[in-house]
């Protein structure tokens, strides 16, 4: 079997070829289409996909744009990876590996071969401005994966504690705070990182700001 591509959906999304090189796309919508059918590898109605990503044009134009996108995706994901008929489109799930699969399996720390999982919000910073429905779908997936993302970040922070990597602790804490600005685990990690760096004043200021935010938003 042909070596699989790797699709990153945590953070800024990207498709990597089997040799690790990034695969380029003509437009963000082509990558968005791939993500959508990869995250939900069931048969999708063509009309539904066309409406999802090209909602502001006629049905005929949207279907044409979808057909063009599929023709561009096929050589990028490998021969036979996309099954399609006149009415439906499906990505064979075994043909592309997703970082979300590692996340769901709890494979966060990885191995000498795979390395730690890059963890961030689902499609963080990736939007299709003229497709409100895609935004809603993205938000639903983010809510679905958020508990697993938080757990994975905690695991990575604990690993950095053991190795004494305070800079990486702070970077991971910032990612968690971007997802949940009231996260106790994240603010504790960020304070630890500042203290390890000898900046105890900033650590105390971080705590005070967090305490005030808790009082204001949760009355806690």
Foldseek 3Di string as FASTA:
>chain_A
DDQAWEWEFAEAIFIADSVRHTDDDPDLLLVLLVVVQQVVQDKDWLQVSLCQQPVPDDSVVSSVVVVVSVVVVCVVGDHPQWDDDPTIIGGDNVRHHYLVVCLVVVVAQPDPVPGGRDAAFGNVPRDRVVGVNSVVVSVVVRVVCVVSSVVSLLVVLVVCVVVVVLVVLLVSLVRVCVVPVLDPSSLVSNLVSCVSVVNNVVNVVSVVVSVVVCCVPVVD
